[in-house]
Amino acid sequence: LVASISNDGGTIYADSVKGRFTISRDNAKKTVYLQMNSLNDED
């Protein structure tokens, strides 16, 4: 698991990505996003 987002917007992140990755969702577009910043080779 990298990140998850519940139907009410609650989020969970793996320790290795906290502060660098952001999960979000757009229910109208039926789309979930993962913004990944400060990427390193372990990603």
PDB file of all heavy atoms in Angstrom:
ATOM      1  N   LEU A   1       0.839  -1.196   0.000  1.00  0.00           N
ATOM      2  CA  LEU A   1       0.000   0.000   0.000  1.00  0.00           C
ATOM      3  C   LEU A   1       0.878   1.252   0.000  1.00  0.00           C
ATOM      4  O   LEU A   1       1.834   1.358   0.774  1.00  0.00           O
ATOM      5  CB  LEU A   1      -0.894   0.007   1.240  1.00  0.00           C
ATOM      6  CG  LEU A   1      -1.709   1.273   1.454  1.00  0.00           C
ATOM      7  CD1 LEU A   1      -2.805   1.397   0.401  1.00  0.00           C
ATOM      8  CD2 LEU A   1      -2.312   1.293   2.861  1.00  0.00           C
ATOM      9  N   VAL A   2       0.518   2.190  -0.847  1.00  0.00           N
ATOM     10  CA  VAL A   2       1.162   3.501  -0.848  1.00  0.00           C
ATOM     11  C   VAL A   2       0.270   4.505  -0.122  1.00  0.00           C
ATOM     12  O   VAL A   2       0.724   5.207   0.776  1.00  0.00           O
ATOM     13  CB  VAL A   2       1.416   3.980  -2.292  1.00  0.00           C
ATOM     14  CG1 VAL A   2       1.993   5.396  -2.293  1.00  0.00           C
ATOM     15  CG2 VAL A   2       2.337   3.019  -3.020  1.00  0.00           C
ATOM     16  N   ALA A   3      -0.986   4.550  -0.538  1.00  0.00           N
ATOM     17  CA  ALA A   3      -1.939   5.483   0.068  1.00  0.00           C
ATOM     18  C   ALA A   3      -3.350   5.028  -0.247  1.00  0.00           C
ATOM     19  O   ALA A   3      -3.577   4.394  -1.277  1.00  0.00           O
ATOM     20  CB  ALA A   3      -1.725   6.907  -0.450  1.00  0.00           C
ATOM     21  N   SER A   4      -4.260   5.361   0.630  1.00  0.00           N
ATOM     22  CA  SER A   4      -5.663   5.063   0.385  1.00  0.00           C
ATOM     23  C   SER A   4      -6.518   6.225   0.859  1.00  0.00           C
ATOM     24  O   SER A   4      -6.104   7.013   1.722  1.00  0.00           O
ATOM     25  CB  SER A   4      -6.095   3.769   1.068  1.00  0.00           C
ATOM     26  OG  SER A   4      -6.100   3.928   2.464  1.00  0.00           O
ATOM     27  N   ILE A   5      -7.713   6.304   0.278  1.00  0.00           N
ATOM     28  CA  ILE A   5      -8.667   7.341   0.652  1.00  0.00           C
ATOM     29  C   ILE A   5     -10.040   6.706   0.724  1.00  0.00           C
ATOM     30  O   ILE A   5     -10.484   6.029  -0.209  1.00  0.00           O
ATOM     31  CB  ILE A   5      -8.609   8.528  -0.337  1.00  0.00           C
ATOM     32  CG1 ILE A   5      -9.549   9.649   0.110  1.00  0.00           C
ATOM     33  CG2 ILE A   5      -8.881   8.098  -1.772  1.00  0.00           C
ATOM     34  CD1 ILE A   5      -9.293  10.970  -0.613  1.00  0.00           C
ATOM     35  N   SER A   6     -10.710   6.905   1.837  1.00  0.00           N
ATOM     36  CA  SER A   6     -12.018   6.301   2.036  1.00  0.00           C
ATOM     37  C   SER A   6     -13.103   7.122   1.347  1.00  0.00           C
ATOM     38  O   SER A   6     -12.845   8.212   0.833  1.00  0.00           O
ATOM     39  CB  SER A   6     -12.316   6.188   3.526  1.00  0.00           C
ATOM     40  OG  SER A   6     -12.438   7.484   4.091  1.00  0.00           O
ATOM     41  N   ASN A   7     -14.320   6.594   1.378  1.00  0.00           N
ATOM     42  CA  ASN A   7     -15.414   7.300   0.719  1.00  0.00           C
ATOM     43  C   ASN A   7     -15.717   8.636   1.383  1.00  0.00           C
ATOM     44  O   ASN A   7     -16.260   9.546   0.747  1.00  0.00           O
ATOM     45  CB  ASN A   7     -16.671   6.433   0.666  1.00  0.00           C
ATOM     46  CG  ASN A   7     -17.181   6.077   2.034  1.00  0.00           C
ATOM     47  OD1 ASN A   7     -16.417   5.879   2.972  1.00  0.00           O
ATOM     48  ND2 ASN A   7     -18.484   5.987   2.172  1.00  0.00           N
ATOM     49  N   ASP A   8     -15.344   8.788   2.661  1.00  0.00           N
ATOM     50  CA  ASP A   8     -15.577  10.067   3.335  1.00  0.00           C
ATOM     51  C   ASP A   8     -14.334  10.944   3.389  1.00  0.00           C
ATOM     52  O   ASP A   8     -14.298  11.950   4.094  1.00  0.00           O
ATOM     53  CB  ASP A   8     -16.125   9.853   4.740  1.00  0.00           C
ATOM     54  CG  ASP A   8     -15.157   9.118   5.641  1.00  0.00           C
ATOM     55  OD1 ASP A   8     -14.054   8.762   5.177  1.00  0.00           O
ATOM     56  OD2 ASP A   8     -15.503   8.888   6.821  1.00  0.00           O
ATOM     57  N   GLY A   9     -13.295  10.542   2.648  1.00  0.00           N
ATOM     58  CA  GLY A   9     -12.116  11.383   2.518  1.00  0.00           C
ATOM     59  C   GLY A   9     -10.980  11.104   3.477  1.00  0.00           C
ATOM     60  O   GLY A   9      -9.942  11.781   3.421  1.00  0.00           O
ATOM     61  N   GLY A  10     -11.127  10.138   4.355  1.00  0.00           N
ATOM     62  CA  GLY A  10     -10.045   9.783   5.246  1.00  0.00           C
ATOM     63  C   GLY A  10      -8.880   9.163   4.485  1.00  0.00           C
ATOM     64  O   GLY A  10      -9.102   8.368   3.572  1.00  0.00           O
ATOM     65  N   THR A  11      -7.671   9.522   4.857  1.00  0.00           N
ATOM     66  CA  THR A  11      -6.496   9.055   4.120  1.00  0.00           C
ATOM     67  C   THR A  11      -5.532   8.282   5.019  1.00  0.00           C
ATOM     68  O   THR A  11      -5.442   8.524   6.228  1.00  0.00           O
ATOM     69  CB  THR A  11      -5.738  10.228   3.480  1.00  0.00           C
ATOM     70  OG1 THR A  11      -5.367  11.164   4.487  1.00  0.00           O
ATOM     71  CG2 THR A  11      -6.598  10.924   2.434  1.00  0.00           C
ATOM     72  N   ILE A  12      -4.828   7.378   4.387  1.00  0.00           N
ATOM     73  CA  ILE A  12      -3.769   6.601   5.023  1.00  0.00           C
ATOM     74  C   ILE A  12      -2.583   6.612   4.079  1.00  0.00           C
ATOM     75  O   ILE A  12      -2.753   6.464   2.866  1.00  0.00           O
ATOM     76  CB  ILE A  12      -4.218   5.154   5.285  1.00  0.00           C
ATOM     77  CG1 ILE A  12      -5.370   5.122   6.287  1.00  0.00           C
ATOM     78  CG2 ILE A  12      -3.050   4.314   5.796  1.00  0.00           C
ATOM     79  CD1 ILE A  12      -5.981   3.748   6.468  1.00  0.00           C
ATOM     80  N   TYR A  13      -1.391   6.766   4.640  1.00  0.00           N
ATOM     81  CA  TYR A  13      -0.169   6.769   3.841  1.00  0.00           C
ATOM     82  C   TYR A  13       0.852   5.796   4.423  1.00  0.00           C
ATOM     83  O   TYR A  13       0.970   5.649   5.642  1.00  0.00           O
ATOM     84  CB  TYR A  13       0.462   8.163   3.812  1.00  0.00           C
ATOM     85  CG  TYR A  13      -0.354   9.196   3.075  1.00  0.00           C
ATOM     86  CD1 TYR A  13      -1.253  10.011   3.750  1.00  0.00           C
ATOM     87  CD2 TYR A  13      -0.222   9.354   1.699  1.00  0.00           C
ATOM     88  CE1 TYR A  13      -2.003  10.955   3.076  1.00  0.00           C
ATOM     89  CE2 TYR A  13      -0.977  10.299   1.016  1.00  0.00           C
ATOM     90  CZ  TYR A  13      -1.865  11.091   1.722  1.00  0.00           C
ATOM     91  OH  TYR A  13      -2.606  12.027   1.046  1.00  0.00           O
ATOM     92  N   ALA A  14       1.613   5.200   3.542  1.00  0.00           N
ATOM     93  CA  ALA A  14       2.779   4.450   3.989  1.00  0.00           C
ATOM     94  C   ALA A  14       3.783   5.430   4.573  1.00  0.00           C
ATOM     95  O   ALA A  14       3.903   6.576   4.109  1.00  0.00           O
ATOM     96  CB  ALA A  14       3.391   3.694   2.815  1.00  0.00           C
ATOM     97  N   ASP A  15       4.525   4.987   5.577  1.00  0.00           N
ATOM     98  CA  ASP A  15       5.496   5.877   6.222  1.00  0.00           C
ATOM     99  C   ASP A  15       6.507   6.428   5.219  1.00  0.00           C
ATOM    100  O   ASP A  15       6.952   7.572   5.348  1.00  0.00           O
ATOM    101  CB  ASP A  15       6.232   5.125   7.333  1.00  0.00           C
ATOM    102  CG  ASP A  15       5.367   4.888   8.550  1.00  0.00           C
ATOM    103  OD1 ASP A  15       4.318   5.559   8.684  1.00  0.00           O
ATOM    104  OD2 ASP A  15       5.720   4.018   9.362  1.00  0.00           O
ATOM    105  N   SER A  16       6.848   5.617   4.247  1.00  0.00           N
ATOM    106  CA  SER A  16       7.899   6.002   3.300  1.00  0.00           C
ATOM    107  C   SER A  16       7.484   7.144   2.376  1.00  0.00           C
ATOM    108  O   SER A  16       8.342   7.752   1.730  1.00  0.00           O
ATOM    109  CB  SER A  16       8.314   4.793   2.463  1.00  0.00           C
ATOM    110  OG  SER A  16       7.206   4.304   1.730  1.00  0.00           O
ATOM    111  N   VAL A  17       6.195   7.432   2.298  1.00  0.00           N
ATOM    112  CA  VAL A  17       5.744   8.481   1.375  1.00  0.00           C
ATOM    113  C   VAL A  17       5.086   9.661   2.090  1.00  0.00           C
ATOM    114  O   VAL A  17       4.722  10.643   1.441  1.00  0.00           O
ATOM    115  CB  VAL A  17       4.779   7.921   0.303  1.00  0.00           C
ATOM    116  CG1 VAL A  17       5.398   6.730  -0.406  1.00  0.00           C
ATOM    117  CG2 VAL A  17       3.429   7.553   0.905  1.00  0.00           C
ATOM    118  N   LYS A  18       4.941   9.572   3.394  1.00  0.00           N
ATOM    119  CA  LYS A  18       4.306  10.663   4.140  1.00  0.00           C
ATOM    120  C   LYS A  18       5.065  11.965   3.923  1.00  0.00           C
ATOM    121  O   LYS A  18       6.297  12.006   4.009  1.00  0.00           O
ATOM    122  CB  LYS A  18       4.262  10.327   5.627  1.00  0.00           C
ATOM    123  CG  LYS A  18       3.186   9.323   5.998  1.00  0.00           C
ATOM    124  CD  LYS A  18       3.187   9.045   7.497  1.00  0.00           C
ATOM    125  CE  LYS A  18       2.117   8.020   7.853  1.00  0.00           C
ATOM    126  NZ  LYS A  18       2.155   7.672   9.302  1.00  0.00           N
ATOM    127  N   GLY A  19       4.305  13.010   3.641  1.00  0.00           N
ATOM    128  CA  GLY A  19       4.918  14.313   3.416  1.00  0.00           C
ATOM    129  C   GLY A  19       5.377  14.537   1.987  1.00  0.00           C
ATOM    130  O   GLY A  19       5.718  15.660   1.615  1.00  0.00           O
ATOM    131  N   ARG A  20       5.375  13.486   1.177  1.00  0.00           N
ATOM    132  CA  ARG A  20       5.799  13.616  -0.222  1.00  0.00           C
ATOM    133  C   ARG A  20       4.661  13.330  -1.197  1.00  0.00           C
ATOM    134  O   ARG A  20       4.584  13.943  -2.257  1.00  0.00           O
ATOM    135  CB  ARG A  20       6.962  12.657  -0.519  1.00  0.00           C
ATOM    136  CG  ARG A  20       8.183  12.882   0.324  1.00  0.00           C
ATOM    137  CD  ARG A  20       9.352  12.037  -0.176  1.00  0.00           C
ATOM    138  NE  ARG A  20       9.089  10.602  -0.109  1.00  0.00           N
ATOM    139  CZ  ARG A  20       9.161   9.772  -1.152  1.00  0.00           C
ATOM    140  NH1 ARG A  20       9.478  10.234  -2.360  1.00  0.00           N
ATOM    141  NH2 ARG A  20       8.915   8.466  -1.000  1.00  0.00           N
ATOM    142  N   PHE A  21       3.801  12.381  -0.845  1.00  0.00           N
ATOM    143  CA  PHE A  21       2.710  11.976  -1.730  1.00  0.00           C
ATOM    144  C   PHE A  21       1.380  12.451  -1.151  1.00  0.00           C
ATOM    145  O   PHE A  21       1.208  12.501   0.074  1.00  0.00           O
ATOM    146  CB  PHE A  21       2.655  10.456  -1.863  1.00  0.00           C
ATOM    147  CG  PHE A  21       3.795   9.836  -2.625  1.00  0.00           C
ATOM    148  CD1 PHE A  21       4.912  10.561  -2.993  1.00  0.00           C
ATOM    149  CD2 PHE A  21       3.732   8.489  -2.985  1.00  0.00           C
ATOM    150  CE1 PHE A  21       5.955   9.981  -3.689  1.00  0.00           C
ATOM    151  CE2 PHE A  21       4.762   7.890  -3.688  1.00  0.00           C
ATOM    152  CZ  PHE A  21       5.879   8.641  -4.025  1.00  0.00           C
ATOM    153  N   THR A  22       0.441  12.748  -2.046  1.00  0.00           N
ATOM    154  CA  THR A  22      -0.900  13.141  -1.635  1.00  0.00           C
ATOM    155  C   THR A  22      -1.919  12.410  -2.495  1.00  0.00           C
ATOM    156  O   THR A  22      -1.852  12.472  -3.729  1.00  0.00           O
ATOM    157  CB  THR A  22      -1.114  14.652  -1.774  1.00  0.00           C
ATOM    158  OG1 THR A  22      -0.132  15.354  -1.002  1.00  0.00           O
ATOM    159  CG2 THR A  22      -2.505  15.042  -1.282  1.00  0.00           C
ATOM    160  N   ILE A  23      -2.848  11.739  -1.841  1.00  0.00           N
ATOM    161  CA  ILE A  23      -3.934  11.067  -2.548  1.00  0.00           C
ATOM    162  C   ILE A  23      -5.178  11.943  -2.466  1.00  0.00           C
ATOM    163  O   ILE A  23      -5.439  12.578  -1.439  1.00  0.00           O
ATOM    164  CB  ILE A  23      -4.194   9.660  -1.973  1.00  0.00           C
ATOM    165  CG1 ILE A  23      -5.185   8.897  -2.854  1.00  0.00           C
ATOM    166  CG2 ILE A  23      -4.671   9.726  -0.522  1.00  0.00           C
ATOM    167  CD1 ILE A  23      -5.313   7.408  -2.475  1.00  0.00           C
ATOM    168  N   SER A  24      -5.926  11.977  -3.553  1.00  0.00           N
ATOM    169  CA  SER A  24      -7.169  12.747  -3.572  1.00  0.00           C
ATOM    170  C   SER A  24      -8.137  12.064  -4.528  1.00  0.00           C
ATOM    171  O   SER A  24      -7.736  11.199  -5.312  1.00  0.00           O
ATOM    172  CB  SER A  24      -6.914  14.193  -4.002  1.00  0.00           C
ATOM    173  OG  SER A  24      -6.359  14.249  -5.304  1.00  0.00           O
ATOM    174  N   ARG A  25      -9.385  12.472  -4.447  1.00  0.00           N
ATOM    175  CA  ARG A  25     -10.382  11.862  -5.310  1.00  0.00           C
ATOM    176  C   ARG A  25     -11.371  12.906  -5.786  1.00  0.00           C
ATOM    177  O   ARG A  25     -11.625  13.901  -5.100  1.00  0.00           O
ATOM    178  CB  ARG A  25     -11.111  10.731  -4.588  1.00  0.00           C
ATOM    179  CG  ARG A  25     -11.939  11.156  -3.396  1.00  0.00           C
ATOM    180  CD  ARG A  25     -12.425   9.942  -2.589  1.00  0.00           C
ATOM    181  NE  ARG A  25     -13.313   9.094  -3.360  1.00  0.00           N
ATOM    182  CZ  ARG A  25     -13.601   7.826  -3.036  1.00  0.00           C
ATOM    183  NH1 ARG A  25     -13.050   7.289  -1.964  1.00  0.00           N
ATOM    184  NH2 ARG A  25     -14.425   7.124  -3.784  1.00  0.00           N
ATOM    185  N   ASP A  26     -11.941  12.655  -6.958  1.00  0.00           N
ATOM    186  CA  ASP A  26     -12.992  13.484  -7.529  1.00  0.00           C
ATOM    187  C   ASP A  26     -14.131  12.532  -7.885  1.00  0.00           C
ATOM    188  O   ASP A  26     -14.068  11.841  -8.909  1.00  0.00           O
ATOM    189  CB  ASP A  26     -12.473  14.230  -8.759  1.00  0.00           C
ATOM    190  CG  ASP A  26     -13.484  15.204  -9.344  1.00  0.00           C
ATOM    191  OD1 ASP A  26     -14.707  14.983  -9.166  1.00  0.00           O
ATOM    192  OD2 ASP A  26     -13.069  16.157  -9.997  1.00  0.00           O
ATOM    193  N   ASN A  27     -15.136  12.487  -7.055  1.00  0.00           N
ATOM    194  CA  ASN A  27     -16.219  11.528  -7.266  1.00  0.00           C
ATOM    195  C   ASN A  27     -17.018  11.832  -8.531  1.00  0.00           C
ATOM    196  O   ASN A  27     -17.511  10.913  -9.192  1.00  0.00           O
ATOM    197  CB  ASN A  27     -17.146  11.503  -6.058  1.00  0.00           C
ATOM    198  CG  ASN A  27     -16.508  10.850  -4.848  1.00  0.00           C
ATOM    199  OD1 ASN A  27     -15.559  10.064  -4.974  1.00  0.00           O
ATOM    200  ND2 ASN A  27     -16.998  11.192  -3.671  1.00  0.00           N
ATOM    201  N   ALA A  28     -17.134  13.091  -8.884  1.00  0.00           N
ATOM    202  CA  ALA A  28     -17.871  13.446 -10.097  1.00  0.00           C
ATOM    203  C   ALA A  28     -17.180  12.898 -11.344  1.00  0.00           C
ATOM    204  O   ALA A  28     -17.838  12.535 -12.325  1.00  0.00           O
ATOM    205  CB  ALA A  28     -18.019  14.952 -10.196  1.00  0.00           C
ATOM    206  N   LYS A  29     -15.858  12.828 -11.291  1.00  0.00           N
ATOM    207  CA  LYS A  29     -15.079  12.319 -12.428  1.00  0.00           C
ATOM    208  C   LYS A  29     -14.706  10.850 -12.250  1.00  0.00           C
ATOM    209  O   LYS A  29     -14.043  10.279 -13.105  1.00  0.00           O
ATOM    210  CB  LYS A  29     -13.811  13.145 -12.607  1.00  0.00           C
ATOM    211  CG  LYS A  29     -14.071  14.584 -12.995  1.00  0.00           C
ATOM    212  CD  LYS A  29     -12.760  15.334 -13.227  1.00  0.00           C
ATOM    213  CE  LYS A  29     -13.019  16.767 -13.660  1.00  0.00           C
ATOM    214  NZ  LYS A  29     -11.756  17.510 -13.889  1.00  0.00           N
ATOM    215  N   LYS A  30     -15.110  10.260 -11.121  1.00  0.00           N
ATOM    216  CA  LYS A  30     -14.758   8.863 -10.827  1.00  0.00           C
ATOM    217  C   LYS A  30     -13.249   8.652 -10.963  1.00  0.00           C
ATOM    218  O   LYS A  30     -12.783   7.683 -11.579  1.00  0.00           O
ATOM    219  CB  LYS A  30     -15.506   7.903 -11.744  1.00  0.00           C
ATOM    220  CG  LYS A  30     -17.020   7.897 -11.532  1.00  0.00           C
ATOM    221  CD  LYS A  30     -17.674   6.834 -12.403  1.00  0.00           C
ATOM    222  CE  LYS A  30     -19.164   6.794 -12.220  1.00  0.00           C
ATOM    223  NZ  LYS A  30     -19.799   5.746 -13.063  1.00  0.00           N
ATOM    224  N   THR A  31     -12.511   9.571 -10.394  1.00  0.00           N
ATOM    225  CA  THR A  31     -11.059   9.547 -10.550  1.00  0.00           C
ATOM    226  C   THR A  31     -10.370   9.711  -9.201  1.00  0.00           C
ATOM    227  O   THR A  31     -10.802  10.520  -8.375  1.00  0.00           O
ATOM    228  CB  THR A  31     -10.605  10.671 -11.499  1.00  0.00           C
ATOM    229  OG1 THR A  31     -11.243  10.497 -12.771  1.00  0.00           O
ATOM    230  CG2 THR A  31      -9.092  10.641 -11.703  1.00  0.00           C
ATOM    231  N   VAL A  32      -9.315   8.953  -9.017  1.00  0.00           N
ATOM    232  CA  VAL A  32      -8.453   9.117  -7.851  1.00  0.00           C
ATOM    233  C   VAL A  32      -7.068   9.490  -8.361  1.00  0.00           C
ATOM    234  O   VAL A  32      -6.626   8.997  -9.402  1.00  0.00           O
ATOM    235  CB  VAL A  32      -8.424   7.842  -6.983  1.00  0.00           C
ATOM    236  CG1 VAL A  32      -7.869   6.645  -7.735  1.00  0.00           C
ATOM    237  CG2 VAL A  32      -7.665   8.080  -5.696  1.00  0.00           C
ATOM    238  N   TYR A  33      -6.417  10.370  -7.613  1.00  0.00           N
ATOM    239  CA  TYR A  33      -5.122  10.887  -8.009  1.00  0.00           C
ATOM    240  C   TYR A  33      -4.060  10.545  -6.962  1.00  0.00           C
ATOM    241  O   TYR A  33      -4.365  10.369  -5.779  1.00  0.00           O
ATOM    242  CB  TYR A  33      -5.173  12.415  -8.156  1.00  0.00           C
ATOM    243  CG  TYR A  33      -6.218  12.908  -9.118  1.00  0.00           C
ATOM    244  CD1 TYR A  33      -7.459  13.342  -8.660  1.00  0.00           C
ATOM    245  CD2 TYR A  33      -5.975  12.945 -10.486  1.00  0.00           C
ATOM    246  CE1 TYR A  33      -8.430  13.811  -9.535  1.00  0.00           C
ATOM    247  CE2 TYR A  33      -6.942  13.408 -11.375  1.00  0.00           C
ATOM    248  CZ  TYR A  33      -8.161  13.832 -10.887  1.00  0.00           C
ATOM    249  OH  TYR A  33      -9.123  14.294 -11.765  1.00  0.00           O
ATOM    250  N   LEU A  34      -2.839  10.499  -7.413  1.00  0.00           N
ATOM    251  CA  LEU A  34      -1.709  10.391  -6.501  1.00  0.00           C
ATOM    252  C   LEU A  34      -0.650  11.388  -6.951  1.00  0.00           C
ATOM    253  O   LEU A  34      -0.010  11.201  -7.985  1.00  0.00           O
ATOM    254  CB  LEU A  34      -1.123   8.977  -6.482  1.00  0.00           C
ATOM    255  CG  LEU A  34      -0.012   8.766  -5.453  1.00  0.00           C
ATOM    256  CD1 LEU A  34      -0.598   8.845  -4.030  1.00  0.00           C
ATOM    257  CD2 LEU A  34       0.681   7.422  -5.663  1.00  0.00           C
ATOM    258  N   GLN A  35      -0.532  12.467  -6.206  1.00  0.00           N
ATOM    259  CA  GLN A  35       0.498  13.456  -6.477  1.00  0.00           C
ATOM    260  C   GLN A  35       1.774  13.010  -5.764  1.00  0.00           C
ATOM    261  O   GLN A  35       1.764  12.821  -4.542  1.00  0.00           O
ATOM    262  CB  GLN A  35       0.073  14.834  -5.974  1.00  0.00           C
ATOM    263  CG  GLN A  35       1.118  15.919  -6.161  1.00  0.00           C
ATOM    264  CD  GLN A  35       1.392  16.221  -7.619  1.00  0.00           C
ATOM    265  OE1 GLN A  35       0.477  16.341  -8.415  1.00  0.00           O
ATOM    266  NE2 GLN A  35       2.671  16.364  -7.971  1.00  0.00           N
ATOM    267  N   MET A  36       2.840  12.852  -6.530  1.00  0.00           N
ATOM    268  CA  MET A  36       4.091  12.350  -5.982  1.00  0.00           C
ATOM    269  C   MET A  36       5.178  13.404  -6.175  1.00  0.00           C
ATOM    270  O   MET A  36       5.498  13.770  -7.301  1.00  0.00           O
ATOM    271  CB  MET A  36       4.486  11.047  -6.687  1.00  0.00           C
ATOM    272  CG  MET A  36       3.411   9.982  -6.642  1.00  0.00           C
ATOM    273  SD  MET A  36       3.957   8.397  -7.308  1.00  0.00           S
ATOM    274  CE  MET A  36       4.214   8.829  -9.025  1.00  0.00           C
ATOM    275  N   ASN A  37       5.704  13.877  -5.061  1.00  0.00           N
ATOM    276  CA  ASN A  37       6.763  14.881  -5.092  1.00  0.00           C
ATOM    277  C   ASN A  37       8.045  14.325  -4.470  1.00  0.00           C
ATOM    278  O   ASN A  37       8.013  13.312  -3.772  1.00  0.00           O
ATOM    279  CB  ASN A  37       6.327  16.133  -4.327  1.00  0.00           C
ATOM    280  CG  ASN A  37       5.096  16.783  -4.914  1.00  0.00           C
ATOM    281  OD1 ASN A  37       4.864  16.760  -6.134  1.00  0.00           O
ATOM    282  ND2 ASN A  37       4.275  17.376  -4.062  1.00  0.00           N
ATOM    283  N   SER A  38       9.133  14.997  -4.724  1.00  0.00           N
ATOM    284  CA  SER A  38      10.431  14.603  -4.158  1.00  0.00           C
ATOM    285  C   SER A  38      10.712  13.123  -4.380  1.00  0.00           C
ATOM    286  O   SER A  38      11.096  12.399  -3.462  1.00  0.00           O
ATOM    287  CB  SER A  38      10.480  14.935  -2.654  1.00  0.00           C
ATOM    288  OG  SER A  38      10.262  16.307  -2.431  1.00  0.00           O
ATOM    289  N   LEU A  39      10.516  12.684  -5.593  1.00  0.00           N
ATOM    290  CA  LEU A  39      10.681  11.261  -5.906  1.00  0.00           C
ATOM    291  C   LEU A  39      12.147  10.842  -5.778  1.00  0.00           C
ATOM    292  O   LEU A  39      13.056  11.618  -6.074  1.00  0.00           O
ATOM    293  CB  LEU A  39      10.171  10.979  -7.314  1.00  0.00           C
ATOM    294  CG  LEU A  39       8.646  11.002  -7.446  1.00  0.00           C
ATOM    295  CD1 LEU A  39       8.216  11.197  -8.892  1.00  0.00           C
ATOM    296  CD2 LEU A  39       8.052   9.714  -6.885  1.00  0.00           C
ATOM    297  N   ASN A  40      12.336   9.626  -5.326  1.00  0.00           N
ATOM    298  CA  ASN A  40      13.675   9.040  -5.254  1.00  0.00           C
ATOM    299  C   ASN A  40      13.653   7.652  -5.877  1.00  0.00           C
ATOM    300  O   ASN A  40      12.586   7.123  -6.210  1.00  0.00           O
ATOM    301  CB  ASN A  40      14.178   9.018  -3.817  1.00  0.00           C
ATOM    302  CG  ASN A  40      13.282   8.222  -2.893  1.00  0.00           C
ATOM    303  OD1 ASN A  40      13.092   7.016  -3.089  1.00  0.00           O
ATOM    304  ND2 ASN A  40      12.729   8.884  -1.890  1.00  0.00           N
ATOM    305  N   ASP A  41      14.822   7.045  -6.010  1.00  0.00           N
ATOM    306  CA  ASP A  41      14.889   5.789  -6.759  1.00  0.00           C
ATOM    307  C   ASP A  41      14.139   4.661  -6.060  1.00  0.00           C
ATOM    308  O   ASP A  41      13.750   3.680  -6.716  1.00  0.00           O
ATOM    309  CB  ASP A  41      16.338   5.394  -7.052  1.00  0.00           C
ATOM    310  CG  ASP A  41      17.178   5.304  -5.806  1.00  0.00           C
ATOM    311  OD1 ASP A  41      16.638   5.478  -4.700  1.00  0.00           O
ATOM    312  OD2 ASP A  41      18.398   5.073  -5.922  1.00  0.00           O
ATOM    313  N   GLU A  42      13.895   4.792  -4.768  1.00  0.00           N
ATOM    314  CA  GLU A  42      13.122   3.768  -4.065  1.00  0.00           C
ATOM    315  C   GLU A  42      11.638   3.826  -4.413  1.00  0.00           C
ATOM    316  O   GLU A  42      10.879   2.928  -4.051  1.00  0.00           O
ATOM    317  CB  GLU A  42      13.318   3.900  -2.553  1.00  0.00           C
ATOM    318  CG  GLU A  42      14.745   3.587  -2.112  1.00  0.00           C
ATOM    319  CD  GLU A  42      14.907   3.626  -0.602  1.00  0.00           C
ATOM    320  OE1 GLU A  42      14.016   4.152   0.089  1.00  0.00           O
ATOM    321  OE2 GLU A  42      15.949   3.131  -0.112  1.00  0.00           O
ATOM    322  N   ASP A  43      11.222   4.870  -5.102  1.00  0.00           N
ATOM    323  CA  ASP A  43       9.831   4.975  -5.546  1.00  0.00           C
ATOM    324  C   ASP A  43       9.605   4.278  -6.885  1.00  0.00           C
ATOM    325  O   ASP A  43       8.464   4.196  -7.354  1.00  0.00           O
ATOM    326  CB  ASP A  43       9.418   6.440  -5.660  1.00  0.00           C
ATOM    327  CG  ASP A  43       9.470   7.168  -4.332  1.00  0.00           C
ATOM    328  OD1 ASP A  43       9.005   6.592  -3.330  1.00  0.00           O
ATOM    329  OD2 ASP A  43       9.970   8.306  -4.303  1.00  0.00           O
TER     330      ASP A  43
END
